[in-house]
Amino acid sequence: MTTGSADRVTPRTHTKLSRQQIVGFWAAWSGWTLDGMDSVIYALVMTPALTELLPKSGIAATGTNVASIGSILFALFLAGWGFSFLWGPLADRFGRTRTLAATIFVFALFTGAAALAQTVWQLGLFRFLAGVGIGGEWALAGTFVAESWPEDRRKMGAGYLQTGYYVGFFIAAILNFTVGATYGWRAMFLCGVAPVVVAIVTLLRVKEPARWKRHKSEAKRTFQLAEIFSPFYRRRTIINAILVSVAIIGLWAGAVYEPTAISALAKQAGMSPLAATHMASYGTAILSFGTIIGCLALPALAERLGRKTTLALYFIGMLTTITLSFGWAFYLPNGLPVFLFTLFFLGFAGGNFAVFSLWLPEQYETRVRATAFAFTTSFGRFVGAGVNFLIAGAVSRMGTIGIPVALTASAFALGLLIVPFAMETRGQKLPE
């Protein structure tokens, strides 16, 4: 078995991207952007949506019920993400672009369907099905960019790609400030149908990477899910799954509960419901801006310091900022300004996800790359779903979201213990 791990990148000037590489990147980036938008729509509209739907479901719309049942519904969404590991083998066997288009179509369809929900259970079902599509997009977009861009450009391409998800946060914040504040939460979910256009463009205009074409016959003879747990790959697959799980716990603890935390702090400061909605949008924009900066900074750090050291630094940032924002600033007498200030740094550390877009493709051959990417990122969603059930129980018992979310920072302490056992790939070419 050849991995290309011994090959070294020859320093050279940046290779000029072809038109097809540019079009393919923007299709993948746009899909990931709209994926991010769809993901955070729920966080932004959770309070008004559940305030309306809980009474229709026979449940009192108290603040504690909104927070705890909101956590349960989000856990269902993450469970849907977990099942997205099924997209990986499809992409390895039948192609990156067609499978990528299918994931975009699925998450757009069921995000739009959420606008029709009449009970919290219907909303939970639609969010679960949307999660199945959303979870596959990251793995397939990351695999596509890694394989289609030239060796000397693909690392930065991974950083650029990851910014799309958080640009989607910006778009969702703008929509919440305008569409959501004016027309309500159902209109926000209807905006999630827009990615269908990207799916069509991806299918019609973007060609399969030449690297995948060279190995597609080999991939069709491989049982990918078994292969990534073969003796050769088992250790790195398990370690990668744990590290991504840690990152997912922290990301969603911060990103999903941030709008609800800001709304609570805004109301505590005497703001009207509309002003609280606008403030939640501002907070999401601050978080997103910080994360975009973190994503852009990461590839250069990973090239200079190595993948493992860079991830460890970002994990330290997440551990610190989640604790400060939810465990301290949230409980200050006038905590809103301080909470908003910490969000930028929480966002920057949340850029740790860019390392996986860069690092995971470097550890696997083409015939199993999408499967490995999809599995390691999907496993963490199941873990994240379990953590959200725990958060829901803690919120219900404690009557607050601050401490339960702050406790998720402890996951990064575990991550820091695991990082040294990961595979370092700095300076190595993408395996064939």
Protein backbone atom coordinates (compact mmCIF):
# COMPACT_ATOMS: atom_id res chain seq x y z
CA MET A 1 0.00 0.00 0.00
CA THR A 2 1.42 3.35 -1.00
CA THR A 3 0.57 6.46 0.94
CA GLY A 4 2.88 9.09 -0.45
CA SER A 5 3.74 9.96 3.15
CA ALA A 6 7.44 9.94 2.40
CA ASP A 7 7.12 12.40 -0.46
CA ARG A 8 8.00 15.99 0.28
CA VAL A 9 6.58 19.12 -1.24
CA THR A 10 9.05 20.98 -3.44
CA PRO A 11 8.99 24.69 -2.59
CA ARG A 12 7.81 26.79 -5.54
CA THR A 13 5.70 29.74 -6.46
CA HIS A 14 1.93 29.41 -6.43
CA THR A 15 0.54 27.47 -9.39
CA LYS A 16 -2.10 29.39 -11.32
CA LEU A 17 -5.56 27.94 -10.84
CA SER A 18 -7.48 26.78 -13.89
CA ARG A 19 -10.97 27.98 -14.64
CA GLN A 20 -12.39 24.60 -13.61
CA GLN A 21 -10.52 24.69 -10.28
CA ILE A 22 -11.87 28.17 -9.59
CA VAL A 23 -15.45 27.27 -10.53
CA GLY A 24 -15.24 24.06 -8.51
CA PHE A 25 -13.93 25.87 -5.46
CA TRP A 26 -16.65 28.51 -5.54
CA ALA A 27 -19.32 25.82 -5.92
CA ALA A 28 -17.93 23.96 -2.89
CA TRP A 29 -17.48 27.22 -0.94
CA SER A 30 -21.01 28.40 -1.74
CA GLY A 31 -22.47 25.09 -0.65
CA TRP A 32 -20.49 25.25 2.62
CA THR A 33 -21.57 28.89 3.10
CA LEU A 34 -25.23 28.05 2.72
CA ASP A 35 -24.65 25.00 4.90
CA GLY A 36 -23.41 27.32 7.65
CA MET A 37 -26.37 29.62 7.10
CA ASP A 38 -28.83 26.73 7.43
CA SER A 39 -27.06 25.39 10.52
CA VAL A 40 -27.26 28.63 12.48
CA ILE A 41 -30.80 29.56 11.40
CA TYR A 42 -32.11 27.18 14.07
CA ALA A 43 -29.98 28.80 16.76
CA LEU A 44 -31.28 32.24 15.82
CA VAL A 45 -34.97 31.29 15.65
CA MET A 46 -35.06 28.64 18.38
CA THR A 47 -36.68 30.90 20.98
CA PRO A 48 -39.53 32.33 18.82
CA ALA A 49 -40.10 29.00 17.03
CA LEU A 50 -40.41 26.97 20.23
CA THR A 51 -42.41 29.69 21.96
CA GLU A 52 -45.03 29.18 19.23
CA LEU A 53 -44.75 25.40 18.79
CA LEU A 54 -44.50 24.21 22.41
CA PRO A 55 -48.11 25.14 23.33
CA LYS A 56 -49.29 23.41 20.13
CA SER A 57 -47.44 20.32 21.35
CA GLY A 58 -49.01 20.41 24.80
CA ILE A 59 -45.96 21.86 26.56
CA ALA A 60 -45.74 25.17 28.42
CA ALA A 61 -43.51 27.71 26.67
CA THR A 62 -41.41 28.59 29.71
CA GLY A 63 -37.85 29.81 29.34
CA THR A 64 -36.51 26.57 30.83
CA ASN A 65 -38.62 24.43 28.47
CA VAL A 66 -37.49 26.45 25.46
CA ALA A 67 -33.84 25.96 26.42
CA SER A 68 -34.07 22.27 27.34
CA ILE A 69 -36.31 21.13 24.46
CA GLY A 70 -34.29 23.33 22.12
CA SER A 71 -31.24 21.32 23.19
CA ILE A 72 -33.07 18.05 22.50
CA LEU A 73 -34.07 19.19 19.02
CA PHE A 74 -30.53 20.26 18.34
CA ALA A 75 -29.33 16.85 19.49
CA LEU A 76 -31.64 15.31 16.87
CA PHE A 77 -30.11 17.64 14.28
CA LEU A 78 -26.62 16.48 15.25
CA ALA A 79 -27.75 12.86 15.08
CA GLY A 80 -28.81 13.55 11.50
CA TRP A 81 -25.31 14.91 10.87
CA GLY A 82 -23.96 11.66 12.29
CA PHE A 83 -25.77 9.56 9.70
CA SER A 84 -24.11 11.63 6.99
CA PHE A 85 -21.13 9.22 7.10
CA LEU A 86 -23.11 7.29 4.45
CA TRP A 87 -22.25 9.98 1.88
CA GLY A 88 -18.54 9.17 2.03
CA PRO A 89 -18.63 5.71 0.40
CA LEU A 90 -21.01 7.08 -2.24
CA ALA A 91 -18.53 9.86 -3.09
CA ASP A 92 -15.61 7.41 -3.25
CA ARG A 93 -17.51 5.11 -5.58
CA PHE A 94 -19.59 7.45 -7.75
CA GLY A 95 -17.81 10.80 -7.69
CA ARG A 96 -17.34 13.91 -5.60
CA THR A 97 -19.47 16.46 -7.46
CA ARG A 98 -22.64 14.41 -7.94
CA THR A 99 -22.66 13.33 -4.30
CA LEU A 100 -21.86 16.88 -3.15
CA ALA A 101 -24.84 18.19 -5.15
CA ALA A 102 -27.08 15.57 -3.54
CA THR A 103 -26.08 16.61 -0.01
CA ILE A 104 -26.84 20.27 -0.79
CA PHE A 105 -30.23 19.37 -2.26
CA VAL A 106 -31.20 17.30 0.82
CA PHE A 107 -30.31 19.92 3.41
CA ALA A 108 -31.99 22.70 1.42
CA LEU A 109 -35.21 20.72 0.95
CA PHE A 110 -35.69 19.83 4.62
CA THR A 111 -34.58 23.22 5.94
CA GLY A 112 -37.37 24.74 3.85
CA ALA A 113 -39.79 22.06 5.08
CA ALA A 114 -39.14 23.17 8.68
CA ALA A 115 -41.13 26.32 7.88
CA LEU A 116 -44.24 24.12 7.68
CA ALA A 117 -43.81 22.49 11.11
CA GLN A 118 -46.87 22.64 13.37
CA THR A 119 -45.39 20.85 16.41
CA VAL A 120 -41.93 20.57 17.97
CA TRP A 121 -41.84 16.92 16.87
CA GLN A 122 -42.33 17.83 13.22
CA LEU A 123 -39.64 20.49 13.55
CA GLY A 124 -37.31 17.90 15.10
CA LEU A 125 -37.92 15.47 12.21
CA PHE A 126 -37.22 18.07 9.54
CA ARG A 127 -34.07 19.23 11.34
CA PHE A 128 -32.87 15.61 11.63
CA LEU A 129 -33.29 15.10 7.86
CA ALA A 130 -31.64 18.45 7.08
CA GLY A 131 -28.73 17.36 9.27
CA VAL A 132 -28.19 14.26 7.12
CA GLY A 133 -27.52 16.53 4.14
CA ILE A 134 -25.59 19.23 5.97
CA GLY A 135 -23.21 16.77 7.60
CA GLY A 136 -22.11 15.33 4.25
CA GLU A 137 -21.30 18.69 2.69
CA TRP A 138 -18.19 19.41 4.78
CA ALA A 139 -16.57 16.05 4.05
CA LEU A 140 -17.26 16.19 0.34
CA ALA A 141 -16.35 19.86 -0.13
CA GLY A 142 -13.10 19.37 1.81
CA THR A 143 -12.22 16.26 -0.18
CA PHE A 144 -13.04 17.95 -3.48
CA VAL A 145 -10.85 21.01 -2.84
CA ALA A 146 -7.94 18.90 -1.57
CA GLU A 147 -8.02 16.73 -4.69
CA SER A 148 -8.70 19.37 -7.31
CA TRP A 149 -6.33 22.16 -6.24
CA PRO A 150 -2.58 21.97 -6.96
CA GLU A 151 -0.33 20.76 -4.15
CA ASP A 152 1.16 24.18 -3.40
CA ARG A 153 -2.28 25.82 -3.11
CA ARG A 154 -4.50 23.21 -1.44
CA LYS A 155 -3.52 24.00 2.19
CA MET A 156 -4.61 27.62 1.90
CA GLY A 157 -7.58 26.42 -0.10
CA ALA A 158 -8.70 24.46 2.98
CA GLY A 159 -8.60 27.66 5.04
CA TYR A 160 -10.50 29.59 2.40
CA LEU A 161 -13.10 26.82 2.17
CA GLN A 162 -13.72 26.78 5.91
CA THR A 163 -14.45 30.53 5.95
CA GLY A 164 -17.55 29.81 3.91
CA TYR A 165 -19.31 28.17 6.83
CA TYR A 166 -18.91 31.29 8.95
CA VAL A 167 -19.79 33.66 6.14
CA GLY A 168 -23.02 31.65 6.27
CA PHE A 169 -23.34 32.75 9.91
CA PHE A 170 -23.11 36.35 8.72
CA ILE A 171 -25.81 35.76 6.12
CA ALA A 172 -28.05 34.12 8.72
CA ALA A 173 -27.48 37.05 11.09
CA ILE A 174 -28.42 39.53 8.36
CA LEU A 175 -31.51 37.51 7.47
CA ASN A 176 -32.52 37.36 11.13
CA PHE A 177 -32.05 41.12 11.45
CA THR A 178 -34.22 41.76 8.39
CA VAL A 179 -36.40 38.82 7.32
CA GLY A 180 -36.66 37.17 10.74
CA ALA A 181 -37.41 40.36 12.65
CA THR A 182 -40.06 41.36 10.08
CA TYR A 183 -41.65 38.11 8.91
CA GLY A 184 -40.86 35.64 11.68
CA TRP A 185 -39.06 32.33 12.09
CA ARG A 186 -40.89 30.46 9.33
CA ALA A 187 -39.61 32.89 6.72
CA MET A 188 -36.08 32.24 7.97
CA PHE A 189 -36.39 28.53 7.27
CA LEU A 190 -37.84 29.25 3.83
CA CYS A 191 -34.63 31.16 3.03
CA GLY A 192 -32.84 27.85 3.49
CA VAL A 193 -34.24 26.59 0.18
CA ALA A 194 -31.76 28.81 -1.73
CA PRO A 195 -28.93 26.21 -1.80
CA VAL A 196 -30.88 24.19 -4.38
CA VAL A 197 -29.45 26.58 -7.00
CA VAL A 198 -25.90 25.75 -5.88
CA ALA A 199 -26.70 22.03 -6.13
CA ILE A 200 -27.80 22.45 -9.74
CA VAL A 201 -24.71 24.47 -10.66
CA THR A 202 -22.45 21.91 -8.96
CA LEU A 203 -24.03 19.08 -10.92
CA LEU A 204 -23.94 20.82 -14.29
CA ARG A 205 -20.70 22.83 -14.32
CA VAL A 206 -18.18 21.21 -11.99
CA LYS A 207 -16.11 18.26 -13.22
CA GLU A 208 -14.78 15.43 -11.10
CA PRO A 209 -11.18 15.82 -9.84
CA ALA A 210 -8.65 14.08 -12.10
CA ARG A 211 -7.22 12.37 -9.03
CA TRP A 212 -10.52 10.63 -8.31
CA LYS A 213 -10.90 9.60 -11.97
CA ARG A 214 -7.53 7.85 -11.81
CA HIS A 215 -8.66 5.78 -8.83
CA LYS A 216 -12.40 5.31 -9.37
CA SER A 217 -12.14 1.72 -10.61
CA GLU A 218 -10.00 0.86 -7.59
CA ALA A 219 -12.49 2.60 -5.28
CA LYS A 220 -15.38 0.55 -6.66
CA ARG A 221 -13.57 -2.64 -5.64
CA THR A 222 -12.95 -1.39 -2.09
CA PHE A 223 -15.19 -1.70 0.99
CA GLN A 224 -14.26 1.74 2.28
CA LEU A 225 -15.78 1.61 5.77
CA ALA A 226 -13.85 -1.59 6.52
CA GLU A 227 -10.67 -0.21 4.94
CA ILE A 228 -10.44 2.86 7.19
CA PHE A 229 -10.38 0.49 10.18
CA SER A 230 -7.76 -1.80 8.67
CA PRO A 231 -4.52 -2.15 10.70
CA PHE A 232 -2.90 0.49 8.48
CA TYR A 233 -5.53 3.19 9.10
CA ARG A 234 -7.21 2.17 12.39
CA ARG A 235 -5.13 4.27 14.80
CA ARG A 236 -5.40 7.52 12.85
CA THR A 237 -9.13 7.00 12.20
CA ILE A 238 -9.90 6.57 15.90
CA ILE A 239 -7.73 9.52 16.95
CA ASN A 240 -9.18 11.78 14.25
CA ALA A 241 -12.72 10.86 15.29
CA ILE A 242 -11.97 11.78 18.91
CA LEU A 243 -10.37 15.11 17.98
CA VAL A 244 -13.23 16.12 15.70
CA SER A 245 -15.68 15.13 18.45
CA VAL A 246 -13.95 17.50 20.86
CA ALA A 247 -14.10 20.32 18.31
CA ILE A 248 -17.79 19.72 17.60
CA ILE A 249 -18.73 19.76 21.29
CA GLY A 250 -17.07 23.15 21.68
CA LEU A 251 -18.28 24.68 18.44
CA TRP A 252 -21.91 23.88 19.02
CA ALA A 253 -21.85 24.76 22.67
CA GLY A 254 -20.64 28.22 21.73
CA ALA A 255 -22.40 28.85 18.42
CA VAL A 256 -25.81 27.32 19.16
CA TYR A 257 -26.36 28.77 22.61
CA GLU A 258 -24.78 32.16 21.91
CA PRO A 259 -27.98 33.76 20.45
CA THR A 260 -30.09 32.45 23.35
CA ALA A 261 -27.53 33.70 25.88
CA ILE A 262 -27.43 37.14 24.25
CA SER A 263 -31.24 37.33 24.14
CA ALA A 264 -31.37 36.55 27.87
CA LEU A 265 -28.71 39.16 28.67
CA ALA A 266 -30.44 41.74 26.47
CA LYS A 267 -33.79 41.20 28.19
CA GLN A 268 -32.03 41.38 31.55
CA ALA A 269 -30.68 44.77 30.44
CA GLY A 270 -34.25 45.94 29.72
CA MET A 271 -34.23 45.65 25.93
CA SER A 272 -37.40 44.92 23.97
CA PRO A 273 -37.86 41.52 22.21
CA LEU A 274 -37.07 43.16 18.84
CA ALA A 275 -33.93 44.80 20.22
CA ALA A 276 -32.91 41.45 21.75
CA THR A 277 -33.33 39.80 18.33
CA HIS A 278 -31.13 42.47 16.74
CA MET A 279 -28.53 42.05 19.49
CA ALA A 280 -28.43 38.28 18.88
CA SER A 281 -27.70 39.04 15.22
CA TYR A 282 -24.85 41.39 16.21
CA GLY A 283 -23.40 38.71 18.47
CA THR A 284 -23.54 36.09 15.71
CA ALA A 285 -21.79 38.50 13.35
CA ILE A 286 -19.01 39.11 15.90
CA LEU A 287 -18.56 35.38 16.46
CA SER A 288 -18.50 34.77 12.70
CA PHE A 289 -15.95 37.50 12.01
CA GLY A 290 -13.62 36.10 14.65
CA THR A 291 -13.96 32.59 13.22
CA ILE A 292 -13.22 33.72 9.66
CA ILE A 293 -10.01 35.37 10.89
CA GLY A 294 -9.13 32.19 12.76
CA CYS A 295 -9.69 30.06 9.64
CA LEU A 296 -7.52 32.30 7.47
CA ALA A 297 -4.70 32.34 10.03
CA LEU A 298 -4.69 28.58 10.56
CA PRO A 299 -3.08 27.23 7.34
CA ALA A 300 -0.02 29.46 7.76
CA LEU A 301 0.31 28.42 11.40
CA ALA A 302 -0.12 24.75 10.47
CA GLU A 303 2.67 25.03 7.90
CA ARG A 304 5.00 26.78 10.33
CA LEU A 305 4.21 24.95 13.58
CA GLY A 306 2.76 21.68 12.34
CA ARG A 307 -0.81 20.39 12.38
CA LYS A 308 -0.71 19.02 15.93
CA THR A 309 0.75 22.09 17.63
CA THR A 310 -1.64 24.40 15.79
CA LEU A 311 -4.67 22.35 16.81
CA ALA A 312 -3.45 22.30 20.42
CA LEU A 313 -3.18 26.11 20.46
CA TYR A 314 -6.71 26.50 19.10
CA PHE A 315 -8.02 23.97 21.64
CA ILE A 316 -6.45 26.01 24.46
CA GLY A 317 -8.24 29.05 23.03
CA MET A 318 -11.58 27.23 23.03
CA LEU A 319 -11.13 25.95 26.59
CA THR A 320 -10.37 29.48 27.81
CA THR A 321 -13.00 31.44 25.90
CA ILE A 322 -15.96 29.09 26.51
CA THR A 323 -15.19 29.22 30.22
CA LEU A 324 -14.89 33.02 30.24
CA SER A 325 -17.96 33.74 28.12
CA PHE A 326 -20.53 31.31 29.51
CA GLY A 327 -19.06 30.65 32.95
CA TRP A 328 -18.14 34.24 33.86
CA ALA A 329 -19.40 37.01 31.55
CA PHE A 330 -22.91 35.50 31.36
CA TYR A 331 -23.33 35.96 35.12
CA LEU A 332 -22.02 39.52 35.45
CA PRO A 333 -24.61 42.12 36.57
CA ASN A 334 -24.27 43.91 33.22
CA GLY A 335 -22.64 41.08 31.32
CA LEU A 336 -23.82 41.78 27.76
CA PRO A 337 -20.89 44.02 26.64
CA VAL A 338 -18.29 41.67 28.12
CA PHE A 339 -20.02 38.61 26.65
CA LEU A 340 -20.02 40.22 23.19
CA PHE A 341 -16.32 41.07 23.58
CA THR A 342 -15.39 37.47 24.39
CA LEU A 343 -17.30 36.20 21.34
CA PHE A 344 -14.64 37.44 18.91
CA PHE A 345 -11.95 35.36 20.63
CA LEU A 346 -14.30 32.39 20.98
CA GLY A 347 -14.87 32.67 17.24
CA PHE A 348 -11.15 32.88 16.44
CA ALA A 349 -10.46 29.68 18.40
CA GLY A 350 -13.46 28.09 16.69
CA GLY A 351 -11.45 28.36 13.46
CA ASN A 352 -9.84 25.08 14.57
CA PHE A 353 -12.17 23.32 12.16
CA ALA A 354 -10.02 24.54 9.27
CA VAL A 355 -7.22 22.23 10.41
CA PHE A 356 -9.41 19.19 9.72
CA SER A 357 -10.23 20.37 6.19
CA LEU A 358 -6.47 20.60 5.62
CA TRP A 359 -5.28 17.64 7.71
CA LEU A 360 -7.78 14.79 7.21
CA PRO A 361 -7.30 14.49 3.41
CA GLU A 362 -3.53 14.25 3.98
CA GLN A 363 -3.90 11.04 6.00
CA TYR A 364 -5.82 8.84 3.55
CA GLU A 365 -5.54 7.60 -0.04
CA THR A 366 -7.93 8.76 -2.74
CA ARG A 367 -9.97 5.53 -2.83
CA VAL A 368 -11.04 5.94 0.84
CA ARG A 369 -10.52 9.68 1.43
CA ALA A 370 -14.16 10.83 1.34
CA THR A 371 -15.25 7.87 3.47
CA ALA A 372 -12.60 8.62 6.09
CA PHE A 373 -13.43 12.35 6.12
CA ALA A 374 -17.16 11.67 6.36
CA PHE A 375 -16.82 9.03 9.08
CA THR A 376 -14.45 10.93 11.36
CA THR A 377 -16.56 14.10 11.14
CA SER A 378 -19.87 12.20 11.50
CA PHE A 379 -18.81 10.26 14.59
CA GLY A 380 -18.35 13.53 16.43
CA ARG A 381 -21.92 14.54 15.66
CA PHE A 382 -23.24 11.51 17.56
CA VAL A 383 -21.05 12.49 20.49
CA GLY A 384 -22.25 16.09 20.16
CA ALA A 385 -25.85 14.89 20.12
CA GLY A 386 -25.27 13.01 23.38
CA VAL A 387 -23.67 16.06 24.96
CA ASN A 388 -26.65 18.19 23.93
CA PHE A 389 -29.01 15.77 25.69
CA LEU A 390 -26.83 16.19 28.79
CA ILE A 391 -26.91 19.99 28.40
CA ALA A 392 -30.71 19.86 28.07
CA GLY A 393 -30.97 17.93 31.35
CA ALA A 394 -28.55 20.29 33.10
CA VAL A 395 -30.41 23.37 31.85
CA SER A 396 -33.70 21.90 33.05
CA ARG A 397 -32.31 21.13 36.52
CA MET A 398 -30.29 24.33 36.98
CA GLY A 399 -32.64 26.76 35.22
CA THR A 400 -29.70 28.39 33.38
CA ILE A 401 -27.67 27.76 30.22
CA GLY A 402 -24.43 29.43 31.36
CA ILE A 403 -22.82 26.81 33.60
CA PRO A 404 -23.97 23.77 31.53
CA VAL A 405 -22.43 25.25 28.38
CA ALA A 406 -19.29 26.37 30.23
CA LEU A 407 -18.70 22.80 31.40
CA THR A 408 -18.31 21.66 27.78
CA ALA A 409 -14.92 23.44 27.81
CA SER A 410 -13.59 20.42 29.71
CA ALA A 411 -13.75 18.44 26.45
CA PHE A 412 -10.80 20.47 25.18
CA ALA A 413 -8.69 19.32 28.13
CA LEU A 414 -9.25 15.77 26.87
CA GLY A 415 -8.44 16.90 23.34
CA LEU A 416 -5.10 18.32 24.47
CA LEU A 417 -4.18 14.91 25.91
CA ILE A 418 -5.06 13.17 22.61
CA VAL A 419 -3.34 15.56 20.17
CA PRO A 420 0.22 14.21 20.76
CA PHE A 421 -0.89 10.76 19.50
CA ALA A 422 -2.17 12.12 16.16
CA MET A 423 -0.33 11.77 12.85
CA GLU A 424 1.78 14.78 11.80
CA THR A 425 1.67 15.46 8.04
CA ARG A 426 3.38 18.83 7.71
CA GLY A 427 5.46 18.98 4.49
CA GLN A 428 3.89 15.84 2.98
CA LYS A 429 2.07 15.56 -0.34
CA LEU A 430 -1.53 14.46 -0.63
CA PRO A 431 -1.45 10.64 -0.91
CA GLU A 432 -2.54 9.06 -4.18
